[in-house]
Each structure stands twice: as C-alpha cells, then as structure tokens.
C-alpha cells in the first residue's frame, strides 16, 4: 500500500512573527511564512522552494489543527531566520 504524499504548489499568504510553545516546538519571535497549501503530518523540515529561482526560502515547521494528520494551515520558518541561528 502506498503512503500518502503531498507535493503542493501555492503561495506565501503572510510573513509573520511566530510564537509557538508546544511539546515539540518552541519558537519565540521567529520570522515565518504562512503558506496557501495544506500538508500531512511528518512534512516538517521539508523545503519551501521559490519556483522562479529554485531557491530554498524556508523550511516547513508546523501545521494546524495540531491534533490532525492533515494540516490545513501550514507555517515555515524563513531561511534568513534559520541562518541567523546557525551562524550566531
């Protein structure tokens, strides 16, 4: 049996500051994107790619609703934010 997959195209709905504190995520004042497509549980860490430039602009981070395997509201952390914390 084939596992479900999610290979979506969409757009960035919003650039926002994320503040999330759950059992597995602790983001405080982190820049992130809200995207227009849904995803499945387990896609966290996947790349958010600018289709025009093929540049990775973010990494999928979390989705809502929190208690569902299918996420309808998806957020990605910007690469600028990730780089800032890696190279500090």
PDB file of N, CA and C in Angstrom:
ATOM      1  N   UNK A   1       0.827  -1.182   0.000  1.00  0.00           N
ATOM      2  CA  UNK A   1       0.000   0.000   0.000  1.00  0.00           C
ATOM      3  C   UNK A   1       0.874   1.249   0.000  1.00  0.00           C
ATOM      4  N   UNK A   2       0.564   2.167  -0.861  1.00  0.00           N
ATOM      5  CA  UNK A   2       1.339   3.396  -0.996  1.00  0.00           C
ATOM      6  C   UNK A   2       0.978   4.385   0.097  1.00  0.00           C
ATOM      7  N   UNK A   3       2.001   4.981   0.708  1.00  0.00           N
ATOM      8  CA  UNK A   3       1.774   6.004   1.728  1.00  0.00           C
ATOM      9  C   UNK A   3       1.296   7.291   1.068  1.00  0.00           C
ATOM     10  N   UNK A   4       0.441   8.059   1.758  1.00  0.00           N
ATOM     11  CA  UNK A   4       0.013   9.342   1.188  1.00  0.00           C
ATOM     12  C   UNK A   4       1.181  10.308   1.101  1.00  0.00           C
ATOM     13  N   UNK A   5       1.196  11.128   0.070  1.00  0.00           N
ATOM     14  CA  UNK A   5       2.244  12.132  -0.067  1.00  0.00           C
ATOM     15  C   UNK A   5       1.589  13.476  -0.392  1.00  0.00           C
ATOM     16  N   UNK A   6       2.378  14.518  -0.294  1.00  0.00           N
ATOM     17  CA  UNK A   6       1.853  15.857  -0.530  1.00  0.00           C
ATOM     18  C   UNK A   6       2.927  16.663  -1.249  1.00  0.00           C
ATOM     19  N   UNK A   7       2.716  16.929  -2.499  1.00  0.00           N
ATOM     20  CA  UNK A   7       3.637  17.721  -3.305  1.00  0.00           C
ATOM     21  C   UNK A   7       2.823  18.876  -3.853  1.00  0.00           C
ATOM     22  N   UNK A   8       2.794  19.960  -3.119  1.00  0.00           N
ATOM     23  CA  UNK A   8       1.867  21.052  -3.419  1.00  0.00           C
ATOM     24  C   UNK A   8       2.593  22.276  -3.947  1.00  0.00           C
ATOM     25  N   UNK A   9       1.856  23.031  -4.709  1.00  0.00           N
ATOM     26  CA  UNK A   9       2.283  24.359  -5.116  1.00  0.00           C
ATOM     27  C   UNK A   9       1.333  25.347  -4.475  1.00  0.00           C
ATOM     28  N   UNK A  10       1.819  26.531  -4.248  1.00  0.00           N
ATOM     29  CA  UNK A  10       0.976  27.554  -3.646  1.00  0.00           C
ATOM     30  C   UNK A  10       1.731  28.856  -3.579  1.00  0.00           C
ATOM     31  N   UNK A  11       1.340  29.654  -2.626  1.00  0.00           N
ATOM     32  CA  UNK A  11       1.969  30.965  -2.476  1.00  0.00           C
ATOM     33  C   UNK A  11       2.079  31.298  -0.987  1.00  0.00           C
ATOM     34  N   UNK A  12       2.863  32.307  -0.697  1.00  0.00           N
ATOM     35  CA  UNK A  12       3.014  32.777   0.678  1.00  0.00           C
ATOM     36  C   UNK A  12       1.846  33.706   0.974  1.00  0.00           C
ATOM     37  N   UNK A  13       1.066  33.346   1.971  1.00  0.00           N
ATOM     38  CA  UNK A  13      -0.090  34.144   2.362  1.00  0.00           C
ATOM     39  C   UNK A  13       0.312  35.297   3.266  1.00  0.00           C
ATOM     40  N   UNK A  14       1.340  35.066   4.085  1.00  0.00           N
ATOM     41  CA  UNK A  14       1.649  36.039   5.119  1.00  0.00           C
ATOM     42  C   UNK A  14       3.074  35.833   5.620  1.00  0.00           C
ATOM     43  N   UNK A  15       3.752  36.910   5.933  1.00  0.00           N
ATOM     44  CA  UNK A  15       5.026  36.890   6.639  1.00  0.00           C
ATOM     45  C   UNK A  15       4.720  37.375   8.048  1.00  0.00           C
ATOM     46  N   UNK A  16       5.069  36.574   9.057  1.00  0.00           N
ATOM     47  CA  UNK A  16       4.684  36.936  10.413  1.00  0.00           C
ATOM     48  C   UNK A  16       5.715  36.486  11.425  1.00  0.00           C
ATOM     49  N   UNK A  17       5.622  37.048  12.620  1.00  0.00           N
ATOM     50  CA  UNK A  17       6.434  36.615  13.748  1.00  0.00           C
ATOM     51  C   UNK A  17       5.716  35.457  14.419  1.00  0.00           C
ATOM     52  N   UNK A  18       6.417  34.339  14.611  1.00  0.00           N
ATOM     53  CA  UNK A  18       5.819  33.149  15.200  1.00  0.00           C
ATOM     54  C   UNK A  18       6.210  33.028  16.668  1.00  0.00           C
ATOM     55  N   UNK A  19       5.236  32.719  17.477  1.00  0.00           N
ATOM     56  CA  UNK A  19       5.427  32.397  18.883  1.00  0.00           C
ATOM     57  C   UNK A  19       4.618  31.136  19.160  1.00  0.00           C
ATOM     58  N   UNK A  20       5.311  30.014  19.276  1.00  0.00           N
ATOM     59  CA  UNK A  20       4.658  28.724  19.479  1.00  0.00           C
ATOM     60  C   UNK A  20       5.398  28.001  20.596  1.00  0.00           C
ATOM     61  N   UNK A  21       4.645  27.453  21.546  1.00  0.00           N
ATOM     62  CA  UNK A  21       5.253  26.681  22.617  1.00  0.00           C
ATOM     63  C   UNK A  21       4.397  25.445  22.856  1.00  0.00           C
ATOM     64  N   UNK A  22       4.821  24.319  22.254  1.00  0.00           N
ATOM     65  CA  UNK A  22       4.130  23.039  22.434  1.00  0.00           C
ATOM     66  C   UNK A  22       5.144  22.016  22.920  1.00  0.00           C
ATOM     67  N   UNK A  23       4.736  20.773  22.999  1.00  0.00           N
ATOM     68  CA  UNK A  23       5.649  19.724  23.468  1.00  0.00           C
ATOM     69  C   UNK A  23       6.877  19.579  22.590  1.00  0.00           C
ATOM     70  N   UNK A  24       6.728  19.768  21.263  1.00  0.00           N
ATOM     71  CA  UNK A  24       7.856  19.548  20.361  1.00  0.00           C
ATOM     72  C   UNK A  24       8.317  20.796  19.616  1.00  0.00           C
ATOM     73  N   UNK A  25       7.690  21.936  19.844  1.00  0.00           N
ATOM     74  CA  UNK A  25       8.077  23.172  19.155  1.00  0.00           C
ATOM     75  C   UNK A  25       8.135  24.314  20.166  1.00  0.00           C
ATOM     76  N   UNK A  26       9.242  25.051  20.131  1.00  0.00           N
ATOM     77  CA  UNK A  26       9.364  26.245  20.965  1.00  0.00           C
ATOM     78  C   UNK A  26       9.963  27.354  20.109  1.00  0.00           C
ATOM     79  N   UNK A  27       9.109  28.178  19.551  1.00  0.00           N
ATOM     80  CA  UNK A  27       9.534  29.298  18.716  1.00  0.00           C
ATOM     81  C   UNK A  27       9.127  30.592  19.403  1.00  0.00           C
ATOM     82  N   UNK A  28      10.074  31.459  19.609  1.00  0.00           N
ATOM     83  CA  UNK A  28       9.791  32.744  20.238  1.00  0.00           C
ATOM     84  C   UNK A  28      10.285  33.863  19.338  1.00  0.00           C
ATOM     85  N   UNK A  29       9.340  34.632  18.791  1.00  0.00           N
ATOM     86  CA  UNK A  29       9.658  35.809  17.983  1.00  0.00           C
ATOM     87  C   UNK A  29      10.493  35.446  16.749  1.00  0.00           C
ATOM     88  N   UNK A  30      10.086  34.381  16.045  1.00  0.00           N
ATOM     89  CA  UNK A  30      10.787  33.863  14.867  1.00  0.00           C
ATOM     90  C   UNK A  30      10.019  34.257  13.612  1.00  0.00           C
ATOM     91  N   UNK A  31      10.718  34.740  12.587  1.00  0.00           N
ATOM     92  CA  UNK A  31      10.065  35.077  11.318  1.00  0.00           C
ATOM     93  C   UNK A  31       9.667  33.808  10.584  1.00  0.00           C
ATOM     94  N   UNK A  32       8.426  33.783  10.116  1.00  0.00           N
ATOM     95  CA  UNK A  32       7.937  32.640   9.381  1.00  0.00           C
ATOM     96  C   UNK A  32       6.939  33.038   8.306  1.00  0.00           C
ATOM     97  N   UNK A  33       6.673  32.089   7.420  1.00  0.00           N
ATOM     98  CA  UNK A  33       5.677  32.264   6.364  1.00  0.00           C
ATOM     99  C   UNK A  33       4.452  31.416   6.680  1.00  0.00           C
ATOM    100  N   UNK A  34       3.276  31.939   6.414  1.00  0.00           N
ATOM    101  CA  UNK A  34       2.076  31.123   6.338  1.00  0.00           C
ATOM    102  C   UNK A  34       1.854  30.862   4.859  1.00  0.00           C
ATOM    103  N   UNK A  35       1.674  29.597   4.479  1.00  0.00           N
ATOM    104  CA  UNK A  35       1.539  29.257   3.063  1.00  0.00           C
ATOM    105  C   UNK A  35       0.102  28.873   2.734  1.00  0.00           C
ATOM    106  N   UNK A  36      -0.205  28.848   1.447  1.00  0.00           N
ATOM    107  CA  UNK A  36      -1.583  28.664   0.989  1.00  0.00           C
ATOM    108  C   UNK A  36      -1.998  27.210   0.818  1.00  0.00           C
ATOM    109  N   UNK A  37      -1.099  26.266   1.051  1.00  0.00           N
ATOM    110  CA  UNK A  37      -1.421  24.859   0.822  1.00  0.00           C
ATOM    111  C   UNK A  37      -1.396  24.083   2.129  1.00  0.00           C
ATOM    112  N   UNK A  38      -2.015  22.926   2.121  1.00  0.00           N
ATOM    113  CA  UNK A  38      -2.018  22.044   3.272  1.00  0.00           C
ATOM    114  C   UNK A  38      -0.885  21.040   3.190  1.00  0.00           C
ATOM    115  N   UNK A  39      -0.755  20.215   4.220  1.00  0.00           N
ATOM    116  CA  UNK A  39       0.274  19.178   4.214  1.00  0.00           C
ATOM    117  C   UNK A  39      -0.168  18.027   5.111  1.00  0.00           C
ATOM    118  N   UNK A  40       0.675  17.035   5.175  1.00  0.00           N
ATOM    119  CA  UNK A  40       0.437  15.869   6.014  1.00  0.00           C
ATOM    120  C   UNK A  40       1.411  15.874   7.176  1.00  0.00           C
ATOM    121  N   UNK A  41       1.035  15.222   8.244  1.00  0.00           N
ATOM    122  CA  UNK A  41       1.939  15.095   9.378  1.00  0.00           C
ATOM    123  C   UNK A  41       3.235  14.436   8.896  1.00  0.00           C
ATOM    124  N   UNK A  42       4.367  14.893   9.406  1.00  0.00           N
ATOM    125  CA  UNK A  42       5.657  14.335   9.014  1.00  0.00           C
ATOM    126  C   UNK A  42       6.395  15.139   7.961  1.00  0.00           C
ATOM    127  N   UNK A  43       5.786  16.200   7.451  1.00  0.00           N
ATOM    128  CA  UNK A  43       6.454  17.001   6.424  1.00  0.00           C
ATOM    129  C   UNK A  43       7.329  18.104   7.015  1.00  0.00           C
ATOM    130  N   UNK A  44       7.342  18.234   8.329  1.00  0.00           N
ATOM    131  CA  UNK A  44       8.190  19.239   8.971  1.00  0.00           C
ATOM    132  C   UNK A  44       9.634  19.039   8.563  1.00  0.00           C
ATOM    133  N   UNK A  45      10.308  20.137   8.258  1.00  0.00           N
ATOM    134  CA  UNK A  45      11.697  20.084   7.813  1.00  0.00           C
ATOM    135  C   UNK A  45      11.836  20.053   6.307  1.00  0.00           C
ATOM    136  N   UNK A  46      10.734  19.866   5.606  1.00  0.00           N
ATOM    137  CA  UNK A  46      10.769  19.878   4.145  1.00  0.00           C
ATOM    138  C   UNK A  46      11.014  21.288   3.630  1.00  0.00           C
ATOM    139  N   UNK A  47      11.603  21.422   2.448  1.00  0.00           N
ATOM    140  CA  UNK A  47      11.938  22.749   1.923  1.00  0.00           C
ATOM    141  C   UNK A  47      10.727  23.482   1.354  1.00  0.00           C
ATOM    142  N   UNK A  48      10.727  24.789   1.529  1.00  0.00           N
ATOM    143  CA  UNK A  48       9.791  25.692   0.860  1.00  0.00           C
ATOM    144  C   UNK A  48      10.612  26.366  -0.238  1.00  0.00           C
ATOM    145  N   UNK A  49      10.273  26.092  -1.496  1.00  0.00           N
ATOM    146  CA  UNK A  49      11.110  26.479  -2.632  1.00  0.00           C
ATOM    147  C   UNK A  49      10.431  27.557  -3.458  1.00  0.00           C
ATOM    148  N   UNK A  50      11.199  28.599  -3.801  1.00  0.00           N
ATOM    149  CA  UNK A  50      10.742  29.618  -4.738  1.00  0.00           C
ATOM    150  C   UNK A  50      10.826  29.009  -6.132  1.00  0.00           C
ATOM    151  N   UNK A  51       9.692  28.785  -6.753  1.00  0.00           N
ATOM    152  CA  UNK A  51       9.649  28.091  -8.040  1.00  0.00           C
ATOM    153  C   UNK A  51      10.374  28.874  -9.143  1.00  0.00           C
ATOM    154  N   UNK A  52      10.383  30.200  -9.063  1.00  0.00           N
ATOM    155  CA  UNK A  52      11.030  31.017 -10.094  1.00  0.00           C
ATOM    156  C   UNK A  52      12.552  30.938 -10.040  1.00  0.00           C
ATOM    157  N   UNK A  53      13.118  30.816  -8.817  1.00  0.00           N
ATOM    158  CA  UNK A  53      14.571  30.839  -8.664  1.00  0.00           C
ATOM    159  C   UNK A  53      15.164  29.500  -8.219  1.00  0.00           C
ATOM    160  N   UNK A  54      14.314  28.547  -7.855  1.00  0.00           N
ATOM    161  CA  UNK A  54      14.713  27.249  -7.296  1.00  0.00           C
ATOM    162  C   UNK A  54      15.449  27.387  -5.964  1.00  0.00           C
ATOM    163  N   UNK A  55      15.341  28.535  -5.322  1.00  0.00           N
ATOM    164  CA  UNK A  55      15.986  28.796  -4.044  1.00  0.00           C
ATOM    165  C   UNK A  55      15.108  28.290  -2.899  1.00  0.00           C
ATOM    166  N   UNK A  56      15.734  27.647  -1.913  1.00  0.00           N
ATOM    167  CA  UNK A  56      15.020  27.266  -0.694  1.00  0.00           C
ATOM    168  C   UNK A  56      14.874  28.527   0.148  1.00  0.00           C
ATOM    169  N   UNK A  57      13.630  28.912   0.412  1.00  0.00           N
ATOM    170  CA  UNK A  57      13.375  30.152   1.153  1.00  0.00           C
ATOM    171  C   UNK A  57      12.881  29.897   2.567  1.00  0.00           C
ATOM    172  N   UNK A  58      12.605  28.638   2.896  1.00  0.00           N
ATOM    173  CA  UNK A  58      12.141  28.307   4.234  1.00  0.00           C
ATOM    174  C   UNK A  58      12.070  26.807   4.423  1.00  0.00           C
ATOM    175  N   UNK A  59      11.819  26.410   5.661  1.00  0.00           N
ATOM    176  CA  UNK A  59      11.618  25.005   5.988  1.00  0.00           C
ATOM    177  C   UNK A  59      10.266  24.869   6.681  1.00  0.00           C
ATOM    178  N   UNK A  60       9.472  23.894   6.214  1.00  0.00           N
ATOM    179  CA  UNK A  60       8.175  23.659   6.836  1.00  0.00           C
ATOM    180  C   UNK A  60       8.383  23.345   8.308  1.00  0.00           C
ATOM    181  N   UNK A  61       7.572  23.946   9.161  1.00  0.00           N
ATOM    182  CA  UNK A  61       7.800  23.812  10.588  1.00  0.00           C
ATOM    183  C   UNK A  61       6.625  23.191  11.339  1.00  0.00           C
ATOM    184  N   UNK A  62       5.441  23.767  11.193  1.00  0.00           N
ATOM    185  CA  UNK A  62       4.302  23.231  11.925  1.00  0.00           C
ATOM    186  C   UNK A  62       3.014  23.537  11.186  1.00  0.00           C
ATOM    187  N   UNK A  63       1.982  22.803  11.553  1.00  0.00           N
ATOM    188  CA  UNK A  63       0.685  22.977  10.910  1.00  0.00           C
ATOM    189  C   UNK A  63      -0.450  22.856  11.904  1.00  0.00           C
ATOM    190  N   UNK A  64      -1.587  23.354  11.493  1.00  0.00           N
ATOM    191  CA  UNK A  64      -2.800  23.303  12.305  1.00  0.00           C
ATOM    192  C   UNK A  64      -3.918  22.673  11.498  1.00  0.00           C
ATOM    193  N   UNK A  65      -4.850  22.001  12.079  1.00  0.00           N
ATOM    194  CA  UNK A  65      -5.021  21.787  13.521  1.00  0.00           C
ATOM    195  C   UNK A  65      -3.980  20.818  14.079  1.00  0.00           C
ATOM    196  N   UNK A  66      -3.574  21.074  15.283  1.00  0.00           N
ATOM    197  CA  UNK A  66      -2.491  20.339  15.928  1.00  0.00           C
ATOM    198  C   UNK A  66      -2.811  18.858  16.090  1.00  0.00           C
ATOM    199  N   UNK A  67      -4.089  18.516  16.267  1.00  0.00           N
ATOM    200  CA  UNK A  67      -4.476  17.129  16.553  1.00  0.00           C
ATOM    201  C   UNK A  67      -4.910  16.342  15.317  1.00  0.00           C
ATOM    202  N   UNK A  68      -4.541  16.816  14.123  1.00  0.00           N
ATOM    203  CA  UNK A  68      -4.946  16.163  12.880  1.00  0.00           C
ATOM    204  C   UNK A  68      -3.733  15.754  12.053  1.00  0.00           C
ATOM    205  N   UNK A  69      -3.821  14.598  11.377  1.00  0.00           N
ATOM    206  CA  UNK A  69      -2.743  14.175  10.477  1.00  0.00           C
ATOM    207  C   UNK A  69      -2.688  15.038   9.221  1.00  0.00           C
ATOM    208  N   UNK A  70      -3.808  15.612   8.835  1.00  0.00           N
ATOM    209  CA  UNK A  70      -3.876  16.505   7.679  1.00  0.00           C
ATOM    210  C   UNK A  70      -3.930  17.940   8.190  1.00  0.00           C
ATOM    211  N   UNK A  71      -2.923  18.711   7.827  1.00  0.00           N
ATOM    212  CA  UNK A  71      -2.811  20.095   8.296  1.00  0.00           C
ATOM    213  C   UNK A  71      -3.342  21.039   7.224  1.00  0.00           C
ATOM    214  N   UNK A  72      -4.238  21.914   7.589  1.00  0.00           N
ATOM    215  CA  UNK A  72      -4.833  22.851   6.636  1.00  0.00           C
ATOM    216  C   UNK A  72      -4.227  24.248   6.721  1.00  0.00           C
ATOM    217  N   UNK A  73      -3.537  24.549   7.790  1.00  0.00           N
ATOM    218  CA  UNK A  73      -2.852  25.834   7.951  1.00  0.00           C
ATOM    219  C   UNK A  73      -1.387  25.511   8.244  1.00  0.00           C
ATOM    220  N   UNK A  74      -0.494  25.903   7.325  1.00  0.00           N
ATOM    221  CA  UNK A  74       0.914  25.499   7.376  1.00  0.00           C
ATOM    222  C   UNK A  74       1.823  26.717   7.533  1.00  0.00           C
ATOM    223  N   UNK A  75       2.894  26.524   8.317  1.00  0.00           N
ATOM    224  CA  UNK A  75       3.858  27.588   8.574  1.00  0.00           C
ATOM    225  C   UNK A  75       5.269  27.072   8.319  1.00  0.00           C
ATOM    226  N   UNK A  76       6.104  27.933   7.774  1.00  0.00           N
ATOM    227  CA  UNK A  76       7.508  27.609   7.500  1.00  0.00           C
ATOM    228  C   UNK A  76       8.378  28.695   8.116  1.00  0.00           C
ATOM    229  N   UNK A  77       9.524  28.304   8.627  1.00  0.00           N
ATOM    230  CA  UNK A  77      10.496  29.264   9.156  1.00  0.00           C
ATOM    231  C   UNK A  77      11.341  29.758   7.995  1.00  0.00           C
ATOM    232  N   UNK A  78      11.579  31.066   7.926  1.00  0.00           N
ATOM    233  CA  UNK A  78      12.362  31.631   6.824  1.00  0.00           C
ATOM    234  C   UNK A  78      13.816  31.171   6.909  1.00  0.00           C
ATOM    235  N   UNK A  79      14.468  31.046   5.760  1.00  0.00           N
ATOM    236  CA  UNK A  79      15.881  30.666   5.734  1.00  0.00           C
ATOM    237  C   UNK A  79      16.743  31.732   6.398  1.00  0.00           C
ATOM    238  N   UNK A  80      16.375  33.002   6.264  1.00  0.00           N
ATOM    239  CA  UNK A  80      17.140  34.055   6.940  1.00  0.00           C
ATOM    240  C   UNK A  80      17.130  33.838   8.451  1.00  0.00           C
ATOM    241  N   UNK A  81      15.984  33.439   8.984  1.00  0.00           N
ATOM    242  CA  UNK A  81      15.880  33.168  10.416  1.00  0.00           C
ATOM    243  C   UNK A  81      16.703  31.944  10.806  1.00  0.00           C
ATOM    244  N   UNK A  82      16.655  30.915  10.008  1.00  0.00           N
ATOM    245  CA  UNK A  82      17.433  29.702  10.284  1.00  0.00           C
ATOM    246  C   UNK A  82      18.920  30.005  10.243  1.00  0.00           C
ATOM    247  N   UNK A  83      19.361  30.706   9.211  1.00  0.00           N
ATOM    248  CA  UNK A  83      20.789  31.071   9.097  1.00  0.00           C
ATOM    249  C   UNK A  83      21.250  31.908  10.280  1.00  0.00           C
ATOM    250  N   UNK A  84      20.389  32.809  10.731  1.00  0.00           N
ATOM    251  CA  UNK A  84      20.744  33.677  11.856  1.00  0.00           C
ATOM    252  C   UNK A  84      21.058  32.837  13.109  1.00  0.00           C
ATOM    253  N   UNK A  85      20.340  31.748  13.310  1.00  0.00           N
ATOM    254  CA  UNK A  85      20.534  30.927  14.496  1.00  0.00           C
ATOM    255  C   UNK A  85      21.644  29.887  14.318  1.00  0.00           C
ATOM    256  N   UNK A  86      21.923  29.492  13.086  1.00  0.00           N
ATOM    257  CA  UNK A  86      23.002  28.538  12.828  1.00  0.00           C
ATOM    258  C   UNK A  86      24.360  29.220  12.940  1.00  0.00           C
ATOM    259  N   UNK A  87      24.456  30.427  12.411  1.00  0.00           N
ATOM    260  CA  UNK A  87      25.739  31.110  12.310  1.00  0.00           C
ATOM    261  C   UNK A  87      25.936  32.160  13.398  1.00  0.00           C
ATOM    262  N   UNK A  88      25.230  32.045  14.522  1.00  0.00           N
ATOM    263  CA  UNK A  88      25.378  33.060  15.568  1.00  0.00           C
ATOM    264  C   UNK A  88      26.601  32.825  16.429  1.00  0.00           C
TER     265      UNK A  88
END
